[in-house]
Amino acid sequence: DAEEYEFGRTFDVVMIYNALPHFPAPARLIERLAAVVKKGGRLSVAHGASRDAINAHHEGAAQHVSNGLMEADDLAALFEPWFDVDVTVSAGEMYRVAGARR
């Protein structure tokens, strides 16, 4: 569990791909990951489908193991204390929020 795991090192890049709705506390996750991203490193959260498609999927079979996918601007706000967000996309078939660690 990335919210609890002690990585014991830092990283240039951390990517969460097609997984954010499965973390019960996104704010806590972002805070924990900020601690392991090197200064100047990047954190990226992305999905290979639109927010609407992800949420529709999670209302069905995955509803017991996931939450809905928040608005990209809301996720960018969670990044703000630690990252300079330079990518916020929620359109068509893509969802991505990314930034560089201050």
Protein backbone atom coordinates (compact mmCIF):
# COMPACT_ATOMS: atom_id res chain seq x y z
CA ASP A 1 0.00 0.00 0.00
CA ALA A 2 1.70 3.18 -1.19
CA GLU A 3 -0.06 5.14 1.57
CA GLU A 4 1.80 3.11 4.21
CA TYR A 5 4.88 1.64 2.53
CA GLU A 6 8.31 2.91 3.60
CA PHE A 7 10.18 3.24 0.31
CA GLY A 8 13.50 4.06 1.95
CA ARG A 9 14.62 6.15 -1.02
CA THR A 10 13.51 8.92 -3.36
CA PHE A 11 12.59 8.82 -7.03
CA ASP A 12 12.91 11.03 -10.11
CA VAL A 13 9.43 10.06 -11.29
CA VAL A 14 6.38 8.51 -9.67
CA MET A 15 3.46 7.47 -11.89
CA ILE A 16 0.00 6.39 -10.80
CA TYR A 17 -1.66 4.91 -13.89
CA ASN A 18 -5.26 3.70 -13.94
CA ALA A 19 -5.26 3.33 -10.17
CA LEU A 20 -6.17 6.55 -8.30
CA PRO A 21 -9.80 5.58 -7.56
CA HIS A 22 -8.54 2.49 -5.72
CA PHE A 23 -6.76 4.54 -3.05
CA PRO A 24 -9.18 5.38 -0.22
CA ALA A 25 -7.44 8.64 0.78
CA PRO A 26 -6.09 10.48 -2.28
CA ALA A 27 -4.91 13.51 -0.28
CA ARG A 28 -2.88 11.27 2.02
CA LEU A 29 -1.48 9.37 -0.98
CA ILE A 30 -0.29 12.56 -2.68
CA GLU A 31 1.31 13.77 0.57
CA ARG A 32 3.13 10.44 1.04
CA LEU A 33 4.33 10.36 -2.56
CA ALA A 34 5.52 13.98 -2.36
CA ALA A 35 7.92 12.81 0.33
CA VAL A 36 9.57 10.32 -2.05
CA VAL A 37 9.79 12.47 -5.19
CA LYS A 38 13.16 14.22 -5.52
CA LYS A 39 13.25 18.01 -5.84
CA GLY A 40 12.70 18.67 -9.53
CA GLY A 41 11.23 15.17 -9.95
CA ARG A 42 7.74 14.50 -11.23
CA LEU A 43 4.50 13.02 -10.01
CA SER A 44 1.92 12.05 -12.60
CA VAL A 45 -1.58 10.62 -12.22
CA ALA A 46 -3.09 9.40 -15.46
CA HIS A 47 -5.91 7.29 -16.85
CA GLY A 48 -6.26 5.95 -20.36
CA ALA A 49 -9.95 6.84 -20.39
CA SER A 50 -12.08 9.85 -19.64
CA ARG A 51 -13.19 10.72 -16.12
CA ASP A 52 -16.78 9.92 -17.11
CA ALA A 53 -15.77 6.47 -18.42
CA ILE A 54 -13.74 5.72 -15.28
CA ASN A 55 -16.60 6.77 -13.01
CA ALA A 56 -19.14 4.74 -15.01
CA HIS A 57 -16.92 1.68 -14.65
CA HIS A 58 -16.57 2.23 -10.91
CA GLU A 59 -20.32 2.52 -10.47
CA GLY A 60 -20.62 -1.03 -11.79
CA ALA A 61 -18.52 -4.07 -10.95
CA ALA A 62 -15.72 -2.08 -9.29
CA GLN A 63 -17.90 -0.09 -6.85
CA HIS A 64 -16.80 -2.17 -3.83
CA VAL A 65 -13.07 -1.61 -4.42
CA SER A 66 -12.92 1.96 -5.64
CA ASN A 67 -14.05 5.55 -5.37
CA GLY A 68 -14.96 7.86 -8.19
CA LEU A 69 -12.27 9.79 -10.03
CA MET A 70 -12.19 13.40 -8.83
CA GLU A 71 -12.15 16.43 -11.10
CA ALA A 72 -8.65 17.09 -12.47
CA ASP A 73 -8.63 20.58 -10.94
CA ASP A 74 -9.41 19.10 -7.51
CA LEU A 75 -6.51 16.67 -7.86
CA ALA A 76 -4.24 19.54 -8.98
CA ALA A 77 -5.20 21.34 -5.76
CA LEU A 78 -4.01 18.30 -3.76
CA PHE A 79 -0.65 18.53 -5.58
CA GLU A 80 -0.29 22.26 -4.87
CA PRO A 81 1.52 22.22 -1.50
CA TRP A 82 4.45 20.28 -2.99
CA PHE A 83 4.31 20.43 -6.78
CA ASP A 84 4.19 23.00 -9.56
CA VAL A 85 1.38 21.50 -11.62
CA ASP A 86 2.03 21.92 -15.33
CA VAL A 87 -0.41 19.38 -16.79
CA THR A 88 -4.13 19.24 -16.09
CA VAL A 89 -6.13 17.36 -18.72
CA SER A 90 -9.59 15.89 -18.43
CA ALA A 91 -11.04 15.60 -21.89
CA GLY A 92 -11.90 13.04 -24.49
CA GLU A 93 -10.21 9.77 -23.68
CA MET A 94 -7.58 11.10 -21.30
CA TYR A 95 -7.19 12.21 -17.71
CA ARG A 96 -3.85 13.43 -16.40
CA VAL A 97 -2.49 15.66 -13.66
CA ALA A 98 1.27 16.09 -13.33
CA GLY A 99 3.77 18.41 -11.78
CA ALA A 100 7.36 18.99 -10.71
CA ARG A 101 8.40 18.77 -7.06
CA ARG A 102 9.43 22.07 -5.53
